[in-house]
Amino acid sequence: MTVNILIVDDHIAVRRGVRAILEAREGFDVVAEAGTGAEAIELAVRHKPDVAVIDYSLPAMNGSQLTRRIREASPRTEVLIYTMHESDALVRDVLGAGARGYLLKSDADQHLIAAVDALAHRQPYFTGRVNEALLAHYLANPGDGSQLDTLTCRERDVVQLIAEGNSSKQVSTALAISLKTVESHRASAMHKLGLQTTAALVRYAVRNKLVEP
C-alpha cells in the first residue's frame, strides 16, 4: 500500500524536513507540497492525498480553516495538524474542523511516521498532553462545544485576517468580497463570540491560536 501525502507549511525548510522524514519510510510518497492554504486546496483536489500534514499557523488561513476546506474538497483525505502549540482550545478547534491527528513539532522525530501511518489506516493519532476525556468526546461528537464551531468558514477567514492587522478594505481584496460583506461577517462573528470591540476580537484570535501573537 502506497500512502500519498500532502505537506502544507509556509516555511520551505520545515517542508523539506518533513518530506525527508516521511520519504525515508517505504510506501510513503509525498505527492505535493504547499506554502499557502489556497495552494493546498488546489493540490488536494488534484492529488486526493491519503493524508495531509498541515501546519496550524498558516498566514491568511489557519490550519483549522484549511482542514475544513480540504475535507470538503477531498473527503477521504485525513488531516494531521502539525504544530508547536499545545492547548485544549486548539485541540477542540481542529477536532471540530475534522482533523484526526494532532502532532507537536517537538515530537516529530519520534512520532511523525507513526502518526501518518495511523491516519492512513483511518485511526486517530495525538501527541502532547491532550486531555483524554476531551479527545474521546470530540472523536465521538465532532464539531461539538466550541465557540469557534459556531463561526462559518468565511467568518473565520475574516476574523483571522482582521486579527493579522488587515483593514476591512484589505480583507475585502484578499477574499474577493465586498466591503459590506466583510463588515457583515465581522459583526456576525463578534456577536457569536460575545465580543464588543475589534481589540477584543484580536485578543480572542491570539488566545485561540487563530493567529500568531
N, C-alpha and C. Protein backbone atom coordinates (compact mmCIF):
# COMPACT_ATOMS: atom_id res chain seq x y z
N MET A 1 0.84 -1.20 0.00
CA MET A 1 0.00 0.00 0.00
C MET A 1 0.88 1.25 0.00
N THR A 2 0.65 2.13 -0.97
CA THR A 2 1.36 3.41 -1.02
C THR A 2 0.49 4.48 -0.39
N VAL A 3 1.08 5.24 0.54
CA VAL A 3 0.36 6.33 1.21
C VAL A 3 0.79 7.65 0.57
N ASN A 4 -0.15 8.31 -0.11
CA ASN A 4 0.14 9.59 -0.76
C ASN A 4 -0.08 10.73 0.23
N ILE A 5 0.90 11.62 0.30
CA ILE A 5 0.91 12.64 1.35
C ILE A 5 1.07 14.04 0.77
N LEU A 6 0.32 14.98 1.32
CA LEU A 6 0.46 16.41 1.02
C LEU A 6 1.02 17.10 2.26
N ILE A 7 2.07 17.91 2.08
CA ILE A 7 2.66 18.66 3.18
C ILE A 7 2.33 20.14 3.00
N VAL A 8 1.82 20.78 4.06
CA VAL A 8 1.45 22.20 3.97
C VAL A 8 2.13 22.97 5.11
N ASP A 9 3.06 23.84 4.74
CA ASP A 9 3.75 24.69 5.71
C ASP A 9 4.33 25.87 4.95
N ASP A 10 4.26 27.06 5.54
CA ASP A 10 4.75 28.23 4.82
C ASP A 10 6.27 28.40 4.92
N HIS A 11 6.94 27.50 5.63
CA HIS A 11 8.40 27.53 5.71
C HIS A 11 8.97 26.37 4.90
N ILE A 12 9.70 26.68 3.85
CA ILE A 12 10.21 25.64 2.95
C ILE A 12 11.16 24.69 3.66
N ALA A 13 11.94 25.20 4.63
CA ALA A 13 12.88 24.34 5.35
C ALA A 13 12.13 23.29 6.17
N VAL A 14 10.98 23.69 6.75
CA VAL A 14 10.17 22.74 7.51
C VAL A 14 9.60 21.68 6.58
N ARG A 15 9.11 22.11 5.42
CA ARG A 15 8.55 21.15 4.47
C ARG A 15 9.61 20.13 4.04
N ARG A 16 10.82 20.61 3.79
CA ARG A 16 11.89 19.70 3.39
C ARG A 16 12.21 18.70 4.50
N GLY A 17 12.21 19.18 5.75
CA GLY A 17 12.48 18.28 6.86
C GLY A 17 11.41 17.22 7.02
N VAL A 18 10.15 17.62 6.90
CA VAL A 18 9.04 16.67 7.00
C VAL A 18 9.10 15.66 5.85
N ARG A 19 9.38 16.16 4.65
CA ARG A 19 9.49 15.28 3.49
C ARG A 19 10.59 14.24 3.70
N ALA A 20 11.74 14.68 4.21
CA ALA A 20 12.87 13.77 4.41
C ALA A 20 12.51 12.66 5.39
N ILE A 21 11.82 13.02 6.47
CA ILE A 21 11.43 12.01 7.46
C ILE A 21 10.44 11.02 6.85
N LEU A 22 9.44 11.54 6.14
CA LEU A 22 8.39 10.68 5.60
C LEU A 22 8.88 9.78 4.47
N GLU A 23 9.69 10.33 3.59
CA GLU A 23 10.12 9.54 2.44
C GLU A 23 11.19 8.51 2.79
N ALA A 24 11.66 8.56 4.03
CA ALA A 24 12.57 7.50 4.50
C ALA A 24 11.80 6.22 4.80
N ARG A 25 10.49 6.35 4.90
CA ARG A 25 9.63 5.19 5.17
C ARG A 25 9.14 4.59 3.85
N GLU A 26 9.40 3.32 3.64
CA GLU A 26 8.95 2.65 2.42
C GLU A 26 7.43 2.67 2.35
N GLY A 27 6.91 3.03 1.18
CA GLY A 27 5.47 3.07 1.00
C GLY A 27 4.86 4.44 1.21
N PHE A 28 5.67 5.40 1.68
CA PHE A 28 5.20 6.78 1.83
C PHE A 28 5.67 7.60 0.64
N ASP A 29 4.74 8.32 0.00
CA ASP A 29 5.07 9.12 -1.17
C ASP A 29 4.52 10.53 -1.00
N VAL A 30 5.40 11.52 -0.87
CA VAL A 30 4.97 12.91 -0.78
C VAL A 30 4.65 13.39 -2.19
N VAL A 31 3.37 13.51 -2.49
CA VAL A 31 2.95 13.84 -3.86
C VAL A 31 2.93 15.33 -4.13
N ALA A 32 2.91 16.15 -3.06
CA ALA A 32 2.84 17.60 -3.27
C ALA A 32 3.19 18.34 -1.99
N GLU A 33 3.66 19.58 -2.17
CA GLU A 33 3.93 20.49 -1.06
C GLU A 33 3.23 21.82 -1.36
N ALA A 34 2.76 22.47 -0.30
CA ALA A 34 2.11 23.77 -0.47
C ALA A 34 2.58 24.72 0.63
N GLY A 35 2.67 26.00 0.26
CA GLY A 35 3.09 27.01 1.21
C GLY A 35 1.95 27.89 1.69
N THR A 36 0.78 27.77 1.03
CA THR A 36 -0.39 28.56 1.42
C THR A 36 -1.63 27.68 1.43
N GLY A 37 -2.67 28.17 2.11
CA GLY A 37 -3.91 27.43 2.15
C GLY A 37 -4.55 27.27 0.78
N ALA A 38 -4.57 28.33 0.01
CA ALA A 38 -5.18 28.27 -1.32
C ALA A 38 -4.48 27.25 -2.20
N GLU A 39 -3.16 27.23 -2.15
CA GLU A 39 -2.39 26.26 -2.93
C GLU A 39 -2.68 24.85 -2.45
N ALA A 40 -2.81 24.68 -1.14
CA ALA A 40 -3.07 23.35 -0.58
C ALA A 40 -4.41 22.79 -1.04
N ILE A 41 -5.43 23.65 -1.09
CA ILE A 41 -6.75 23.20 -1.53
C ILE A 41 -6.69 22.74 -2.98
N GLU A 42 -6.01 23.52 -3.81
CA GLU A 42 -5.87 23.16 -5.22
C GLU A 42 -5.16 21.81 -5.38
N LEU A 43 -4.10 21.62 -4.61
CA LEU A 43 -3.33 20.37 -4.70
C LEU A 43 -4.11 19.19 -4.13
N ALA A 44 -4.91 19.44 -3.10
CA ALA A 44 -5.73 18.36 -2.53
C ALA A 44 -6.77 17.89 -3.55
N VAL A 45 -7.35 18.83 -4.25
CA VAL A 45 -8.33 18.48 -5.29
C VAL A 45 -7.65 17.69 -6.41
N ARG A 46 -6.44 18.10 -6.78
CA ARG A 46 -5.72 17.47 -7.89
C ARG A 46 -5.22 16.07 -7.54
N HIS A 47 -4.65 15.92 -6.33
CA HIS A 47 -3.97 14.67 -5.98
C HIS A 47 -4.78 13.73 -5.09
N LYS A 48 -5.80 14.25 -4.41
CA LYS A 48 -6.60 13.44 -3.48
C LYS A 48 -5.67 12.62 -2.55
N PRO A 49 -4.82 13.27 -1.79
CA PRO A 49 -3.87 12.55 -0.94
C PRO A 49 -4.58 11.76 0.16
N ASP A 50 -3.92 10.71 0.62
CA ASP A 50 -4.47 9.93 1.74
C ASP A 50 -4.37 10.73 3.04
N VAL A 51 -3.26 11.45 3.19
CA VAL A 51 -3.01 12.22 4.41
C VAL A 51 -2.45 13.59 4.05
N ALA A 52 -2.97 14.62 4.71
CA ALA A 52 -2.41 15.97 4.58
C ALA A 52 -1.80 16.36 5.92
N VAL A 53 -0.51 16.70 5.91
CA VAL A 53 0.19 17.15 7.11
C VAL A 53 0.20 18.67 7.07
N ILE A 54 -0.53 19.32 7.97
CA ILE A 54 -0.79 20.76 7.88
C ILE A 54 -0.26 21.49 9.11
N ASP A 55 0.58 22.50 8.86
CA ASP A 55 1.00 23.39 9.94
C ASP A 55 -0.22 24.22 10.36
N TYR A 56 -0.45 24.35 11.66
CA TYR A 56 -1.61 25.11 12.11
C TYR A 56 -1.48 26.60 11.82
N SER A 57 -0.29 27.14 11.99
CA SER A 57 -0.10 28.59 11.94
C SER A 57 0.26 29.08 10.54
N LEU A 58 -0.70 28.97 9.63
CA LEU A 58 -0.51 29.46 8.28
C LEU A 58 -1.05 30.89 8.16
N PRO A 59 -0.45 31.72 7.32
CA PRO A 59 -0.99 33.07 7.11
C PRO A 59 -2.28 33.03 6.31
N ALA A 60 -3.19 33.95 6.61
CA ALA A 60 -4.45 34.14 5.88
C ALA A 60 -5.47 33.04 6.11
N MET A 61 -5.05 31.79 6.30
CA MET A 61 -5.98 30.69 6.52
C MET A 61 -5.31 29.71 7.48
N ASN A 62 -5.76 29.65 8.73
CA ASN A 62 -5.07 28.78 9.67
C ASN A 62 -5.39 27.31 9.43
N GLY A 63 -4.72 26.44 10.18
CA GLY A 63 -4.85 25.01 9.94
C GLY A 63 -6.24 24.47 10.12
N SER A 64 -6.99 25.04 11.07
CA SER A 64 -8.35 24.60 11.28
C SER A 64 -9.24 24.95 10.09
N GLN A 65 -9.11 26.17 9.61
CA GLN A 65 -9.89 26.59 8.44
C GLN A 65 -9.53 25.75 7.22
N LEU A 66 -8.23 25.50 7.05
CA LEU A 66 -7.78 24.71 5.90
C LEU A 66 -8.26 23.28 6.01
N THR A 67 -8.29 22.74 7.22
CA THR A 67 -8.80 21.38 7.42
C THR A 67 -10.22 21.27 6.90
N ARG A 68 -11.06 22.23 7.25
CA ARG A 68 -12.45 22.20 6.78
C ARG A 68 -12.52 22.23 5.25
N ARG A 69 -11.71 23.08 4.65
CA ARG A 69 -11.74 23.21 3.18
C ARG A 69 -11.26 21.93 2.50
N ILE A 70 -10.20 21.35 3.04
CA ILE A 70 -9.66 20.13 2.42
C ILE A 70 -10.63 18.97 2.60
N ARG A 71 -11.25 18.87 3.77
CA ARG A 71 -12.21 17.79 4.00
C ARG A 71 -13.43 17.93 3.08
N GLU A 72 -13.78 19.17 2.76
CA GLU A 72 -14.88 19.39 1.82
C GLU A 72 -14.46 19.04 0.40
N ALA A 73 -13.22 19.41 0.03
CA ALA A 73 -12.74 19.21 -1.34
C ALA A 73 -12.32 17.77 -1.60
N SER A 74 -11.81 17.10 -0.57
CA SER A 74 -11.31 15.72 -0.71
C SER A 74 -11.67 14.95 0.55
N PRO A 75 -12.91 14.48 0.67
CA PRO A 75 -13.41 13.89 1.92
C PRO A 75 -12.61 12.70 2.44
N ARG A 76 -11.92 11.97 1.57
CA ARG A 76 -11.17 10.82 2.04
C ARG A 76 -9.76 11.18 2.51
N THR A 77 -9.39 12.43 2.42
CA THR A 77 -8.09 12.87 2.91
C THR A 77 -8.15 13.08 4.42
N GLU A 78 -7.31 12.36 5.15
CA GLU A 78 -7.22 12.54 6.59
C GLU A 78 -6.23 13.67 6.88
N VAL A 79 -6.50 14.46 7.91
CA VAL A 79 -5.68 15.63 8.21
C VAL A 79 -4.93 15.45 9.53
N LEU A 80 -3.62 15.66 9.46
CA LEU A 80 -2.76 15.68 10.64
C LEU A 80 -2.30 17.11 10.87
N ILE A 81 -2.71 17.70 11.98
CA ILE A 81 -2.27 19.05 12.33
C ILE A 81 -0.88 18.94 12.97
N TYR A 82 0.03 19.75 12.45
CA TYR A 82 1.45 19.72 12.85
C TYR A 82 1.77 21.08 13.43
N THR A 83 2.01 21.16 14.73
CA THR A 83 2.06 22.48 15.38
C THR A 83 3.02 22.52 16.55
N MET A 84 3.43 23.72 16.90
CA MET A 84 4.24 23.92 18.11
C MET A 84 3.36 24.22 19.31
N HIS A 85 2.05 24.44 19.08
CA HIS A 85 1.14 24.83 20.14
C HIS A 85 0.51 23.62 20.81
N GLU A 86 0.26 23.75 22.10
CA GLU A 86 -0.37 22.68 22.86
C GLU A 86 -1.42 23.29 23.78
N SER A 87 -2.69 23.10 23.44
CA SER A 87 -3.76 23.63 24.28
C SER A 87 -5.05 22.90 23.96
N ASP A 88 -5.91 22.78 24.99
CA ASP A 88 -7.20 22.12 24.79
C ASP A 88 -8.06 22.89 23.79
N ALA A 89 -7.95 24.24 23.81
CA ALA A 89 -8.76 25.04 22.89
C ALA A 89 -8.40 24.74 21.45
N LEU A 90 -7.10 24.61 21.18
CA LEU A 90 -6.68 24.31 19.82
C LEU A 90 -7.12 22.90 19.42
N VAL A 91 -7.00 21.95 20.33
CA VAL A 91 -7.44 20.58 20.04
C VAL A 91 -8.93 20.57 19.72
N ARG A 92 -9.73 21.29 20.52
CA ARG A 92 -11.17 21.36 20.24
C ARG A 92 -11.42 21.93 18.85
N ASP A 93 -10.65 22.96 18.51
CA ASP A 93 -10.82 23.62 17.23
C ASP A 93 -10.54 22.67 16.07
N VAL A 94 -9.40 21.98 16.11
CA VAL A 94 -9.03 21.13 14.97
C VAL A 94 -9.89 19.88 14.90
N LEU A 95 -10.30 19.35 16.05
CA LEU A 95 -11.19 18.19 16.02
C LEU A 95 -12.54 18.58 15.44
N GLY A 96 -13.02 19.76 15.84
CA GLY A 96 -14.29 20.24 15.29
C GLY A 96 -14.22 20.47 13.80
N ALA A 97 -13.02 20.80 13.31
CA ALA A 97 -12.85 21.04 11.87
C ALA A 97 -12.74 19.75 11.07
N GLY A 98 -12.49 18.63 11.77
CA GLY A 98 -12.41 17.35 11.06
C GLY A 98 -11.05 16.69 11.04
N ALA A 99 -10.05 17.28 11.73
CA ALA A 99 -8.74 16.64 11.79
C ALA A 99 -8.82 15.39 12.66
N ARG A 100 -7.99 14.40 12.31
CA ARG A 100 -7.97 13.16 13.10
C ARG A 100 -6.61 12.94 13.75
N GLY A 101 -5.69 13.89 13.53
CA GLY A 101 -4.37 13.77 14.14
C GLY A 101 -3.86 15.12 14.58
N TYR A 102 -3.03 15.10 15.63
CA TYR A 102 -2.50 16.33 16.22
C TYR A 102 -1.10 16.00 16.73
N LEU A 103 -0.10 16.60 16.09
CA LEU A 103 1.29 16.26 16.41
C LEU A 103 2.09 17.51 16.72
N LEU A 104 2.74 17.53 17.88
CA LEU A 104 3.61 18.64 18.23
C LEU A 104 4.90 18.54 17.42
N LYS A 105 5.38 19.67 16.93
CA LYS A 105 6.61 19.66 16.14
C LYS A 105 7.78 19.12 16.94
N SER A 106 7.76 19.32 18.24
CA SER A 106 8.84 18.81 19.09
C SER A 106 8.85 17.28 19.15
N ASP A 107 7.74 16.66 18.76
CA ASP A 107 7.64 15.19 18.78
C ASP A 107 7.85 14.57 17.40
N ALA A 108 8.17 15.38 16.41
CA ALA A 108 8.18 14.90 15.02
C ALA A 108 9.12 13.73 14.80
N ASP A 109 10.33 13.81 15.31
CA ASP A 109 11.29 12.73 15.05
C ASP A 109 10.79 11.39 15.56
N GLN A 110 10.08 11.41 16.68
CA GLN A 110 9.60 10.16 17.27
C GLN A 110 8.26 9.70 16.71
N HIS A 111 7.41 10.64 16.34
CA HIS A 111 6.02 10.28 16.10
C HIS A 111 5.48 10.54 14.69
N LEU A 112 6.20 11.26 13.84
CA LEU A 112 5.62 11.66 12.56
C LEU A 112 5.23 10.46 11.70
N ILE A 113 6.12 9.51 11.56
CA ILE A 113 5.82 8.34 10.72
C ILE A 113 4.64 7.55 11.30
N ALA A 114 4.65 7.36 12.62
CA ALA A 114 3.56 6.62 13.26
C ALA A 114 2.23 7.35 13.10
N ALA A 115 2.26 8.68 13.18
CA ALA A 115 1.03 9.46 13.04
C ALA A 115 0.45 9.33 11.64
N VAL A 116 1.28 9.49 10.63
CA VAL A 116 0.81 9.38 9.25
C VAL A 116 0.32 7.97 8.96
N ASP A 117 1.03 6.97 9.47
CA ASP A 117 0.62 5.58 9.26
C ASP A 117 -0.75 5.32 9.90
N ALA A 118 -0.96 5.85 11.10
CA ALA A 118 -2.25 5.67 11.77
C ALA A 118 -3.38 6.31 10.97
N LEU A 119 -3.17 7.54 10.53
CA LEU A 119 -4.23 8.22 9.77
C LEU A 119 -4.50 7.53 8.45
N ALA A 120 -3.45 7.00 7.82
CA ALA A 120 -3.63 6.28 6.56
C ALA A 120 -4.51 5.05 6.75
N HIS A 121 -4.52 4.52 7.97
CA HIS A 121 -5.36 3.37 8.30
C HIS A 121 -6.63 3.79 9.03
N ARG A 122 -7.00 5.09 8.90
CA ARG A 122 -8.24 5.63 9.44
C ARG A 122 -8.30 5.55 10.96
N GLN A 123 -7.13 5.69 11.60
CA GLN A 123 -7.07 5.70 13.05
C GLN A 123 -6.58 7.07 13.52
N PRO A 124 -7.11 7.61 14.63
CA PRO A 124 -6.64 8.90 15.14
C PRO A 124 -5.26 8.77 15.76
N TYR A 125 -4.54 9.89 15.81
CA TYR A 125 -3.21 9.89 16.45
C TYR A 125 -2.95 11.27 17.04
N PHE A 126 -2.72 11.32 18.34
CA PHE A 126 -2.49 12.58 19.03
C PHE A 126 -1.29 12.46 19.95
N THR A 127 -0.45 13.49 19.97
CA THR A 127 0.65 13.56 20.92
C THR A 127 0.49 14.80 21.79
N GLY A 128 1.31 14.90 22.80
CA GLY A 128 1.19 16.02 23.72
C GLY A 128 0.24 15.67 24.85
N ARG A 129 0.05 16.58 25.75
CA ARG A 129 -0.79 16.34 26.92
C ARG A 129 -2.25 16.63 26.58
N VAL A 130 -2.77 15.88 25.65
CA VAL A 130 -4.16 16.06 25.23
C VAL A 130 -5.06 15.40 26.27
N ASN A 131 -6.04 16.14 26.75
CA ASN A 131 -6.99 15.62 27.71
C ASN A 131 -7.75 14.44 27.09
N GLU A 132 -7.61 13.25 27.69
CA GLU A 132 -8.20 12.05 27.10
C GLU A 132 -9.72 12.12 27.02
N ALA A 133 -10.35 12.69 28.04
CA ALA A 133 -11.81 12.81 28.01
C ALA A 133 -12.25 13.75 26.90
N LEU A 134 -11.50 14.84 26.73
CA LEU A 134 -11.80 15.79 25.66
C LEU A 134 -11.67 15.11 24.30
N LEU A 135 -10.60 14.37 24.12
CA LEU A 135 -10.35 13.68 22.86
C LEU A 135 -11.46 12.67 22.56
N ALA A 136 -11.82 11.88 23.55
CA ALA A 136 -12.86 10.87 23.35
C ALA A 136 -14.19 11.52 22.98
N HIS A 137 -14.50 12.63 23.64
CA HIS A 137 -15.77 13.32 23.35
C HIS A 137 -15.79 13.86 21.93
N TYR A 138 -14.71 14.46 21.49
CA TYR A 138 -14.72 15.09 20.17
C TYR A 138 -14.64 14.08 19.05
N LEU A 139 -13.97 12.96 19.28
CA LEU A 139 -13.95 11.93 18.25
C LEU A 139 -15.35 11.32 18.09
N ALA A 140 -16.11 11.28 19.18
CA ALA A 140 -17.47 10.75 19.11
C ALA A 140 -18.47 11.79 18.63
N ASN A 141 -18.16 13.08 18.90
CA ASN A 141 -19.08 14.17 18.55
C ASN A 141 -18.32 15.30 17.87
N PRO A 142 -17.80 15.09 16.66
CA PRO A 142 -17.01 16.13 16.01
C PRO A 142 -17.80 17.42 15.84
N GLY A 143 -17.13 18.55 16.11
CA GLY A 143 -17.75 19.85 15.90
C GLY A 143 -18.57 20.34 17.07
N ASP A 144 -18.59 19.58 18.18
CA ASP A 144 -19.46 19.95 19.29
C ASP A 144 -18.74 20.78 20.34
N GLY A 145 -19.35 21.87 20.78
CA GLY A 145 -18.95 22.50 22.01
C GLY A 145 -18.03 23.69 21.98
N SER A 146 -17.47 24.10 20.89
CA SER A 146 -16.56 25.23 20.89
C SER A 146 -17.23 26.44 20.27
N GLN A 147 -16.96 27.62 20.84
CA GLN A 147 -17.49 28.85 20.24
C GLN A 147 -17.03 28.98 18.80
N LEU A 148 -15.80 28.57 18.53
CA LEU A 148 -15.27 28.69 17.17
C LEU A 148 -16.11 27.89 16.18
N ASP A 149 -16.71 26.80 16.67
CA ASP A 149 -17.51 25.97 15.77
C ASP A 149 -18.77 26.67 15.29
N THR A 150 -19.16 27.76 15.98
CA THR A 150 -20.37 28.48 15.56
C THR A 150 -20.09 29.41 14.38
N LEU A 151 -18.81 29.67 14.11
CA LEU A 151 -18.47 30.56 13.01
C LEU A 151 -18.47 29.81 11.68
N THR A 152 -18.91 30.48 10.63
CA THR A 152 -18.80 29.91 9.30
C THR A 152 -17.34 30.00 8.84
N CYS A 153 -17.00 29.28 7.79
CA CYS A 153 -15.64 29.33 7.26
C CYS A 153 -15.27 30.76 6.86
N ARG A 154 -16.20 31.47 6.25
CA ARG A 154 -15.90 32.83 5.82
C ARG A 154 -15.74 33.77 7.01
N GLU A 155 -16.54 33.57 8.05
CA GLU A 155 -16.38 34.39 9.26
C GLU A 155 -15.01 34.15 9.89
N ARG A 156 -14.56 32.91 9.90
CA ARG A 156 -13.23 32.60 10.42
C ARG A 156 -12.15 33.30 9.58
N ASP A 157 -12.31 33.26 8.27
CA ASP A 157 -11.36 33.94 7.39
C ASP A 157 -11.25 35.42 7.73
N VAL A 158 -12.42 36.05 7.90
CA VAL A 158 -12.46 37.49 8.19
C VAL A 158 -11.82 37.77 9.55
N VAL A 159 -12.15 36.97 10.55
CA VAL A 159 -11.58 37.17 11.89
C VAL A 159 -10.06 37.04 11.85
N GLN A 160 -9.57 36.02 11.16
CA GLN A 160 -8.12 35.82 11.12
C GLN A 160 -7.42 36.99 10.42
N LEU A 161 -7.94 37.40 9.30
CA LEU A 161 -7.31 38.49 8.55
C LEU A 161 -7.34 39.80 9.34
N ILE A 162 -8.44 40.07 10.02
CA ILE A 162 -8.51 41.28 10.84
C ILE A 162 -7.51 41.20 11.99
N ALA A 163 -7.44 40.03 12.63
CA ALA A 163 -6.52 39.85 13.75
C ALA A 163 -5.06 39.96 13.32
N GLU A 164 -4.80 39.67 12.03
CA GLU A 164 -3.44 39.80 11.50
C GLU A 164 -3.10 41.24 11.15
N GLY A 165 -4.05 42.17 11.38
CA GLY A 165 -3.77 43.58 11.20
C GLY A 165 -4.27 44.17 9.90
N ASN A 166 -5.06 43.41 9.14
CA ASN A 166 -5.59 43.92 7.87
C ASN A 166 -6.80 44.81 8.10
N SER A 167 -6.92 45.85 7.30
CA SER A 167 -8.11 46.69 7.34
C SER A 167 -9.26 45.97 6.65
N SER A 168 -10.47 46.47 6.84
CA SER A 168 -11.62 45.86 6.18
C SER A 168 -11.46 45.89 4.66
N LYS A 169 -10.88 46.98 4.14
CA LYS A 169 -10.66 47.07 2.69
C LYS A 169 -9.68 46.00 2.23
N GLN A 170 -8.61 45.77 3.00
CA GLN A 170 -7.63 44.74 2.64
C GLN A 170 -8.24 43.35 2.72
N VAL A 171 -9.10 43.13 3.71
CA VAL A 171 -9.80 41.85 3.82
C VAL A 171 -10.70 41.65 2.61
N SER A 172 -11.38 42.71 2.23
CA SER A 172 -12.26 42.66 1.06
C SER A 172 -11.49 42.24 -0.18
N THR A 173 -10.32 42.82 -0.37
CA THR A 173 -9.49 42.48 -1.53
C THR A 173 -8.97 41.05 -1.45
N ALA A 174 -8.50 40.67 -0.27
CA ALA A 174 -7.91 39.33 -0.11
C ALA A 174 -8.92 38.22 -0.34
N LEU A 175 -10.16 38.43 0.08
CA LEU A 175 -11.20 37.40 -0.03
C LEU A 175 -12.11 37.58 -1.24
N ALA A 176 -11.86 38.67 -1.98
CA ALA A 176 -12.67 38.95 -3.17
C ALA A 176 -14.16 39.05 -2.84
N ILE A 177 -14.45 39.77 -1.75
CA ILE A 177 -15.84 40.03 -1.37
C ILE A 177 -15.99 41.53 -1.12
N SER A 178 -17.22 42.01 -1.07
CA SER A 178 -17.45 43.44 -0.91
C SER A 178 -17.13 43.89 0.52
N LEU A 179 -16.87 45.18 0.65
CA LEU A 179 -16.60 45.76 1.96
C LEU A 179 -17.80 45.56 2.88
N LYS A 180 -18.99 45.69 2.34
CA LYS A 180 -20.20 45.50 3.13
C LYS A 180 -20.28 44.07 3.65
N THR A 181 -19.89 43.12 2.83
CA THR A 181 -19.91 41.72 3.25
C THR A 181 -18.89 41.45 4.35
N VAL A 182 -17.72 42.08 4.24
CA VAL A 182 -16.70 41.95 5.28
C VAL A 182 -17.27 42.43 6.61
N GLU A 183 -17.87 43.61 6.60
CA GLU A 183 -18.42 44.17 7.83
C GLU A 183 -19.53 43.31 8.39
N SER A 184 -20.31 42.70 7.51
CA SER A 184 -21.38 41.82 7.95
C SER A 184 -20.82 40.57 8.64
N HIS A 185 -19.78 39.99 8.04
CA HIS A 185 -19.15 38.81 8.64
C HIS A 185 -18.47 39.16 9.96
N ARG A 186 -17.83 40.32 10.01
CA ARG A 186 -17.18 40.76 11.25
C ARG A 186 -18.22 40.90 12.37
N ALA A 187 -19.32 41.58 12.06
CA ALA A 187 -20.36 41.80 13.07
C ALA A 187 -20.97 40.48 13.54
N SER A 188 -21.20 39.59 12.59
CA SER A 188 -21.78 38.29 12.93
C SER A 188 -20.84 37.49 13.83
N ALA A 189 -19.56 37.48 13.49
CA ALA A 189 -18.57 36.74 14.28
C ALA A 189 -18.47 37.31 15.69
N MET A 190 -18.43 38.63 15.81
CA MET A 190 -18.32 39.25 17.12
C MET A 190 -19.55 38.97 17.97
N HIS A 191 -20.73 38.95 17.33
CA HIS A 191 -21.95 38.63 18.06
C HIS A 191 -21.91 37.19 18.57
N LYS A 192 -21.51 36.25 17.72
CA LYS A 192 -21.46 34.84 18.12
C LYS A 192 -20.45 34.61 19.24
N LEU A 193 -19.35 35.36 19.21
CA LEU A 193 -18.28 35.18 20.20
C LEU A 193 -18.50 36.04 21.44
N GLY A 194 -19.52 36.88 21.42
CA GLY A 194 -19.80 37.72 22.57
C GLY A 194 -18.79 38.83 22.78
N LEU A 195 -18.25 39.36 21.70
CA LEU A 195 -17.21 40.39 21.77
C LEU A 195 -17.77 41.73 21.32
N GLN A 196 -17.22 42.82 21.91
CA GLN A 196 -17.77 44.14 21.64
C GLN A 196 -16.85 45.03 20.79
N THR A 197 -15.57 44.76 20.81
CA THR A 197 -14.62 45.63 20.12
C THR A 197 -13.67 44.81 19.24
N THR A 198 -13.04 45.49 18.28
CA THR A 198 -12.05 44.84 17.43
C THR A 198 -10.85 44.38 18.25
N ALA A 199 -10.47 45.18 19.26
CA ALA A 199 -9.35 44.79 20.12
C ALA A 199 -9.65 43.47 20.83
N ALA A 200 -10.88 43.31 21.29
CA ALA A 200 -11.27 42.06 21.95
C ALA A 200 -11.25 40.90 20.95
N LEU A 201 -11.64 41.18 19.72
CA LEU A 201 -11.62 40.16 18.68
C LEU A 201 -10.18 39.71 18.40
N VAL A 202 -9.26 40.65 18.35
CA VAL A 202 -7.85 40.31 18.13
C VAL A 202 -7.32 39.47 19.29
N ARG A 203 -7.64 39.87 20.52
CA ARG A 203 -7.18 39.10 21.69
C ARG A 203 -7.75 37.69 21.66
N TYR A 204 -9.00 37.56 21.27
CA TYR A 204 -9.62 36.24 21.19
C TYR A 204 -8.90 35.38 20.15
N ALA A 205 -8.60 35.97 19.00
CA ALA A 205 -7.94 35.23 17.92
C ALA A 205 -6.55 34.75 18.35
N VAL A 206 -5.82 35.60 19.06
CA VAL A 206 -4.49 35.22 19.54
C VAL A 206 -4.61 34.13 20.60
N ARG A 207 -5.52 34.31 21.54
CA ARG A 207 -5.70 33.35 22.63
C ARG A 207 -6.09 31.98 22.12
N ASN A 208 -6.85 31.94 21.04
CA ASN A 208 -7.32 30.66 20.49
C ASN A 208 -6.49 30.19 19.30
N LYS A 209 -5.32 30.82 19.13
CA LYS A 209 -4.32 30.39 18.15
C LYS A 209 -4.81 30.49 16.71
N LEU A 210 -5.77 31.41 16.45
CA LEU A 210 -6.15 31.68 15.07
C LEU A 210 -5.02 32.43 14.35
N VAL A 211 -4.24 33.17 15.13
CA VAL A 211 -3.07 33.87 14.58
C VAL A 211 -1.93 33.74 15.57
N GLU A 212 -0.72 34.02 15.09
CA GLU A 212 0.44 34.03 15.97
C GLU A 212 0.45 35.34 16.76
N PRO A 213 0.83 35.31 18.07
CA PRO A 213 0.91 36.54 18.83
C PRO A 213 2.05 37.42 18.33
